[in-house]
């Protein structure tokens, strides 16, 4: 495993210490690795949503009214 030397602001360091003191994590390193895993997972979800939005934007616009869209949505739910 690669070793890194990083600095924390005082509030962040205190929060890290508190998590370890509460036995939530066995060390600051374990906590930092878990936070990075969570951030990576969140980024995958963000990328998925972004791709869906871009696909929707690129598919064009509709000329249907709100009521027509609502009626179509309801009919699809009832099928």
N, C-alpha and C. Protein backbone atom coordinates (compact mmCIF):
# COMPACT_ATOMS: atom_id res chain seq x y z
N UNK A 1 0.85 -1.17 0.00
CA UNK A 1 0.00 0.00 0.00
C UNK A 1 0.90 1.24 0.00
N UNK A 2 0.53 2.23 -0.78
CA UNK A 2 1.32 3.46 -0.88
C UNK A 2 1.13 4.31 0.38
N UNK A 3 2.21 4.89 0.83
CA UNK A 3 2.14 5.77 2.00
C UNK A 3 2.15 7.21 1.51
N UNK A 4 1.37 8.04 2.19
CA UNK A 4 1.28 9.45 1.86
C UNK A 4 1.42 10.27 3.13
N UNK A 5 1.90 11.47 2.98
CA UNK A 5 1.94 12.39 4.10
C UNK A 5 1.03 13.56 3.74
N UNK A 6 -0.02 13.75 4.55
CA UNK A 6 -0.95 14.84 4.26
C UNK A 6 -1.17 15.65 5.53
N UNK A 7 -1.59 16.89 5.33
CA UNK A 7 -1.88 17.79 6.45
C UNK A 7 -3.37 18.08 6.49
N UNK A 8 -3.89 18.25 7.70
CA UNK A 8 -5.29 18.55 7.89
C UNK A 8 -5.44 19.86 8.64
N UNK A 9 -6.54 20.54 8.38
CA UNK A 9 -6.86 21.70 9.20
C UNK A 9 -7.21 21.18 10.60
N UNK A 10 -7.15 22.05 11.59
CA UNK A 10 -7.42 21.62 12.96
C UNK A 10 -8.83 21.02 13.11
N UNK A 11 -9.88 21.66 12.56
CA UNK A 11 -11.22 21.05 12.71
C UNK A 11 -11.31 19.67 12.05
N UNK A 12 -10.69 19.51 10.89
CA UNK A 12 -10.74 18.20 10.23
C UNK A 12 -9.96 17.16 11.01
N UNK A 13 -8.83 17.54 11.55
CA UNK A 13 -8.03 16.60 12.34
C UNK A 13 -8.79 16.19 13.60
N UNK A 14 -9.45 17.14 14.24
CA UNK A 14 -10.24 16.82 15.44
C UNK A 14 -11.37 15.87 15.09
N UNK A 15 -12.04 16.10 13.95
CA UNK A 15 -13.12 15.21 13.53
C UNK A 15 -12.60 13.81 13.28
N UNK A 16 -11.47 13.70 12.60
CA UNK A 16 -10.86 12.38 12.35
C UNK A 16 -10.55 11.68 13.67
N UNK A 17 -9.93 12.41 14.59
CA UNK A 17 -9.59 11.82 15.89
C UNK A 17 -10.85 11.34 16.62
N UNK A 18 -11.91 12.13 16.55
CA UNK A 18 -13.16 11.76 17.22
C UNK A 18 -13.71 10.46 16.66
N UNK A 19 -13.67 10.30 15.34
CA UNK A 19 -14.18 9.07 14.72
C UNK A 19 -13.37 7.86 15.18
N UNK A 20 -12.07 8.03 15.26
CA UNK A 20 -11.22 6.92 15.71
C UNK A 20 -11.45 6.65 17.20
N UNK A 21 -11.57 7.72 18.00
CA UNK A 21 -11.81 7.56 19.43
C UNK A 21 -13.14 6.87 19.71
N UNK A 22 -14.14 7.09 18.85
CA UNK A 22 -15.45 6.45 19.02
C UNK A 22 -15.44 5.02 18.51
N UNK A 23 -14.28 4.56 18.08
CA UNK A 23 -14.11 3.19 17.56
C UNK A 23 -14.89 2.95 16.27
N UNK A 24 -15.24 4.05 15.57
CA UNK A 24 -15.88 3.91 14.26
C UNK A 24 -14.88 3.33 13.26
N UNK A 25 -13.63 3.71 13.43
CA UNK A 25 -12.54 3.25 12.57
C UNK A 25 -11.34 2.97 13.47
N UNK A 26 -10.49 2.08 13.01
CA UNK A 26 -9.33 1.73 13.84
C UNK A 26 -8.19 2.73 13.68
N UNK A 27 -8.22 3.52 12.59
CA UNK A 27 -7.16 4.49 12.36
C UNK A 27 -7.64 5.59 11.42
N UNK A 28 -6.92 6.69 11.40
CA UNK A 28 -7.23 7.76 10.46
C UNK A 28 -7.09 7.26 9.02
N UNK A 29 -6.11 6.42 8.77
CA UNK A 29 -5.90 5.89 7.41
C UNK A 29 -7.11 5.10 6.94
N UNK A 30 -7.65 4.27 7.82
CA UNK A 30 -8.84 3.50 7.45
C UNK A 30 -10.01 4.43 7.12
N UNK A 31 -10.18 5.47 7.93
CA UNK A 31 -11.24 6.43 7.72
C UNK A 31 -11.06 7.18 6.41
N UNK A 32 -9.86 7.64 6.12
CA UNK A 32 -9.59 8.37 4.88
C UNK A 32 -9.84 7.46 3.68
N UNK A 33 -9.41 6.21 3.75
CA UNK A 33 -9.66 5.28 2.64
C UNK A 33 -11.16 5.06 2.43
N UNK A 34 -11.92 4.97 3.53
CA UNK A 34 -13.37 4.80 3.41
C UNK A 34 -14.01 6.04 2.78
N UNK A 35 -13.58 7.21 3.18
CA UNK A 35 -14.10 8.45 2.59
C UNK A 35 -13.80 8.52 1.10
N UNK A 36 -12.62 8.10 0.71
CA UNK A 36 -12.26 8.10 -0.71
C UNK A 36 -13.11 7.10 -1.47
N UNK A 37 -13.33 5.91 -0.91
CA UNK A 37 -14.21 4.92 -1.56
C UNK A 37 -15.61 5.49 -1.76
N UNK A 38 -16.14 6.14 -0.73
CA UNK A 38 -17.46 6.73 -0.83
C UNK A 38 -17.50 7.82 -1.91
N UNK A 39 -16.47 8.65 -1.96
CA UNK A 39 -16.41 9.71 -2.98
C UNK A 39 -16.33 9.13 -4.38
N UNK A 40 -15.56 8.05 -4.53
CA UNK A 40 -15.46 7.40 -5.84
C UNK A 40 -16.79 6.82 -6.27
N UNK A 41 -17.51 6.18 -5.35
CA UNK A 41 -18.82 5.62 -5.65
C UNK A 41 -19.79 6.73 -6.02
N UNK A 42 -19.75 7.81 -5.27
CA UNK A 42 -20.62 8.95 -5.55
C UNK A 42 -20.32 9.53 -6.94
N UNK A 43 -19.05 9.58 -7.31
CA UNK A 43 -18.68 10.12 -8.62
C UNK A 43 -19.23 9.24 -9.74
N UNK A 44 -19.23 7.92 -9.55
CA UNK A 44 -19.81 7.01 -10.54
C UNK A 44 -21.30 7.33 -10.72
N UNK A 45 -22.00 7.54 -9.61
CA UNK A 45 -23.43 7.86 -9.67
C UNK A 45 -23.66 9.21 -10.35
N UNK A 46 -22.84 10.19 -10.04
CA UNK A 46 -22.94 11.51 -10.67
C UNK A 46 -22.71 11.40 -12.17
N UNK A 47 -21.71 10.63 -12.56
CA UNK A 47 -21.42 10.45 -13.99
C UNK A 47 -22.59 9.78 -14.69
N UNK A 48 -23.23 8.81 -14.04
CA UNK A 48 -24.37 8.11 -14.62
C UNK A 48 -25.53 9.09 -14.84
N UNK A 49 -25.81 9.90 -13.82
CA UNK A 49 -26.89 10.89 -13.93
C UNK A 49 -26.56 11.91 -15.01
N UNK A 50 -25.32 12.36 -15.05
CA UNK A 50 -24.91 13.34 -16.06
C UNK A 50 -25.09 12.77 -17.46
N UNK A 51 -24.72 11.51 -17.65
CA UNK A 51 -24.88 10.88 -18.96
C UNK A 51 -26.35 10.80 -19.35
N UNK A 52 -27.21 10.45 -18.39
CA UNK A 52 -28.64 10.38 -18.67
C UNK A 52 -29.20 11.76 -19.04
N UNK A 53 -28.77 12.79 -18.32
CA UNK A 53 -29.23 14.14 -18.63
C UNK A 53 -28.75 14.60 -20.01
N UNK A 54 -27.49 14.32 -20.32
CA UNK A 54 -26.96 14.70 -21.63
C UNK A 54 -27.71 13.97 -22.75
N UNK A 55 -28.00 12.69 -22.54
CA UNK A 55 -28.74 11.93 -23.54
C UNK A 55 -30.13 12.53 -23.74
N UNK A 56 -30.78 12.89 -22.64
CA UNK A 56 -32.11 13.50 -22.72
C UNK A 56 -32.06 14.84 -23.43
N UNK A 57 -31.05 15.66 -23.11
CA UNK A 57 -30.92 16.97 -23.76
C UNK A 57 -30.66 16.82 -25.25
N UNK A 58 -29.88 15.83 -25.61
CA UNK A 58 -29.53 15.63 -27.02
C UNK A 58 -30.64 14.97 -27.83
N UNK A 59 -31.64 14.44 -27.15
CA UNK A 59 -32.71 13.75 -27.87
C UNK A 59 -33.75 14.72 -28.43
N UNK A 60 -33.63 15.97 -28.08
CA UNK A 60 -34.55 16.98 -28.61
C UNK A 60 -35.67 17.31 -27.65
N UNK A 61 -36.51 18.20 -28.11
CA UNK A 61 -37.62 18.68 -27.29
C UNK A 61 -38.93 18.19 -27.86
N UNK A 62 -39.94 18.20 -27.04
CA UNK A 62 -41.26 17.75 -27.46
C UNK A 62 -42.16 18.96 -27.68
N UNK A 63 -43.13 18.77 -28.52
CA UNK A 63 -44.12 19.83 -28.73
C UNK A 63 -45.41 19.50 -27.98
N UNK A 64 -45.40 18.39 -27.23
CA UNK A 64 -46.59 18.01 -26.46
C UNK A 64 -46.76 18.93 -25.26
N UNK A 65 -48.02 19.12 -24.87
CA UNK A 65 -48.31 19.95 -23.70
C UNK A 65 -48.04 19.16 -22.42
N UNK A 66 -48.04 19.88 -21.30
CA UNK A 66 -47.86 19.21 -20.00
C UNK A 66 -48.95 18.15 -19.78
N UNK A 67 -50.16 18.50 -20.14
CA UNK A 67 -51.27 17.56 -19.94
C UNK A 67 -51.12 16.32 -20.81
N UNK A 68 -50.62 16.48 -22.04
CA UNK A 68 -50.41 15.33 -22.92
C UNK A 68 -49.31 14.43 -22.37
N UNK A 69 -48.26 15.04 -21.88
CA UNK A 69 -47.15 14.27 -21.30
C UNK A 69 -47.63 13.52 -20.06
N UNK A 70 -48.41 14.20 -19.21
CA UNK A 70 -48.94 13.57 -18.01
C UNK A 70 -49.85 12.40 -18.36
N UNK A 71 -50.73 12.60 -19.33
CA UNK A 71 -51.65 11.53 -19.73
C UNK A 71 -50.88 10.33 -20.27
N UNK A 72 -49.85 10.59 -21.07
CA UNK A 72 -49.03 9.49 -21.61
C UNK A 72 -48.32 8.75 -20.47
N UNK A 73 -47.78 9.49 -19.52
CA UNK A 73 -47.09 8.87 -18.38
C UNK A 73 -48.04 7.99 -17.58
N UNK A 74 -49.23 8.50 -17.34
CA UNK A 74 -50.22 7.72 -16.58
C UNK A 74 -50.65 6.47 -17.33
N UNK A 75 -50.80 6.60 -18.65
CA UNK A 75 -51.21 5.43 -19.43
C UNK A 75 -50.12 4.36 -19.43
N UNK A 76 -48.86 4.78 -19.40
CA UNK A 76 -47.76 3.80 -19.35
C UNK A 76 -47.72 3.09 -18.01
N UNK A 77 -48.12 3.78 -16.94
CA UNK A 77 -48.15 3.16 -15.62
C UNK A 77 -49.27 2.14 -15.51
N UNK A 78 -50.35 2.35 -16.23
CA UNK A 78 -51.50 1.47 -16.15
C UNK A 78 -51.38 0.23 -17.05
N UNK A 79 -50.39 0.21 -17.91
CA UNK A 79 -50.21 -0.94 -18.82
C UNK A 79 -49.71 -2.15 -18.08
